[in-house]
């Protein structure tokens, strides 16, 4: 499954803030320096979607706040169920 993510770095804690259409807004505690926020985002999303870290792939947006993430290892239905829990 491909998802779009809007990252808010330098937050107090990691958290999925909201879902606007197909875009997730995610707060990440790491600063946007030297890929730290990207790595922490992928680790957080692997926990959030309950998949291995190697199943969360950053496809686009390495340097911007808008990112395209691919999540593999679970069915589309399982991932949609997780997304439906987001207010």
Protein backbone atom coordinates (compact mmCIF):
# COMPACT_ATOMS: atom_id res chain seq x y z
CA UNK A 1 0.00 0.00 0.00
CA UNK A 2 1.20 3.49 -0.84
CA UNK A 3 0.39 6.30 1.58
CA UNK A 4 1.16 10.01 1.56
CA UNK A 5 2.55 11.45 4.78
CA UNK A 6 2.97 15.06 5.91
CA UNK A 7 5.73 15.10 8.55
CA UNK A 8 5.96 17.58 11.42
CA UNK A 9 9.53 17.23 12.79
CA UNK A 10 10.87 18.40 16.18
CA UNK A 11 7.70 17.48 18.04
CA UNK A 12 7.59 16.43 21.67
CA UNK A 13 6.64 12.86 20.75
CA UNK A 14 5.85 10.66 17.77
CA UNK A 15 2.14 10.61 16.95
CA UNK A 16 -0.31 10.34 14.08
CA UNK A 17 -2.18 13.63 14.31
CA UNK A 18 -4.87 13.19 11.70
CA UNK A 19 -5.87 11.85 8.34
CA UNK A 20 -7.01 14.28 5.68
CA UNK A 21 -8.30 12.20 2.78
CA UNK A 22 -5.41 9.93 1.88
CA UNK A 23 -2.72 12.03 3.60
CA UNK A 24 -1.52 11.21 7.13
CA UNK A 25 -0.19 14.01 9.32
CA UNK A 26 2.52 12.57 11.58
CA UNK A 27 4.50 14.30 14.33
CA UNK A 28 8.07 13.05 14.73
CA UNK A 29 10.34 13.89 17.66
CA UNK A 30 13.57 13.77 15.65
CA UNK A 31 14.91 16.89 13.93
CA UNK A 32 14.89 17.15 10.15
CA UNK A 33 18.68 16.84 9.98
CA UNK A 34 20.77 14.20 8.19
CA UNK A 35 17.80 11.87 7.62
CA UNK A 36 17.04 11.44 11.33
CA UNK A 37 13.37 12.37 10.95
CA UNK A 38 13.00 10.04 7.95
CA UNK A 39 14.47 7.11 9.86
CA UNK A 40 12.35 7.78 12.93
CA UNK A 41 9.26 8.16 10.74
CA UNK A 42 9.84 4.76 9.14
CA UNK A 43 10.44 3.15 12.54
CA UNK A 44 7.31 4.75 13.97
CA UNK A 45 5.16 3.70 11.00
CA UNK A 46 6.47 0.14 11.25
CA UNK A 47 5.22 0.03 14.86
CA UNK A 48 1.97 1.80 13.98
CA UNK A 49 1.12 -0.63 11.17
CA UNK A 50 2.65 -3.62 13.01
CA UNK A 51 5.10 -4.57 10.26
CA UNK A 52 8.83 -5.09 10.19
CA UNK A 53 10.97 -1.97 9.74
CA UNK A 54 12.21 -3.40 6.43
CA UNK A 55 8.59 -3.37 5.17
CA UNK A 56 8.32 0.43 5.39
CA UNK A 57 9.95 2.06 2.38
CA UNK A 58 10.44 5.77 1.72
CA UNK A 59 9.69 6.13 -2.00
CA UNK A 60 9.58 9.94 -2.47
CA UNK A 61 10.18 13.07 -0.46
CA UNK A 62 13.45 12.39 1.29
CA UNK A 63 14.15 16.12 1.71
CA UNK A 64 10.63 17.53 1.99
CA UNK A 65 7.80 17.30 4.48
CA UNK A 66 5.51 15.55 1.99
CA UNK A 67 6.55 11.92 1.68
CA UNK A 68 5.37 8.86 -0.21
CA UNK A 69 5.69 5.71 1.88
CA UNK A 70 5.15 2.13 0.73
CA UNK A 71 4.10 -0.43 3.32
CA UNK A 72 4.39 -4.10 2.48
CA UNK A 73 3.97 -7.28 4.51
CA UNK A 74 0.24 -6.96 5.24
CA UNK A 75 -2.84 -7.03 3.05
CA UNK A 76 -4.51 -3.83 1.84
CA UNK A 77 -7.55 -4.65 3.99
CA UNK A 78 -5.45 -4.99 7.17
CA UNK A 79 -3.70 -1.68 6.49
CA UNK A 80 -7.02 0.05 5.72
CA UNK A 81 -8.37 -1.16 9.07
CA UNK A 82 -5.43 0.49 10.83
CA UNK A 83 -5.94 3.71 8.84
CA UNK A 84 -9.64 3.73 9.74
CA UNK A 85 -8.73 4.04 13.43
CA UNK A 86 -7.25 7.51 12.80
CA UNK A 87 -9.67 10.38 13.56
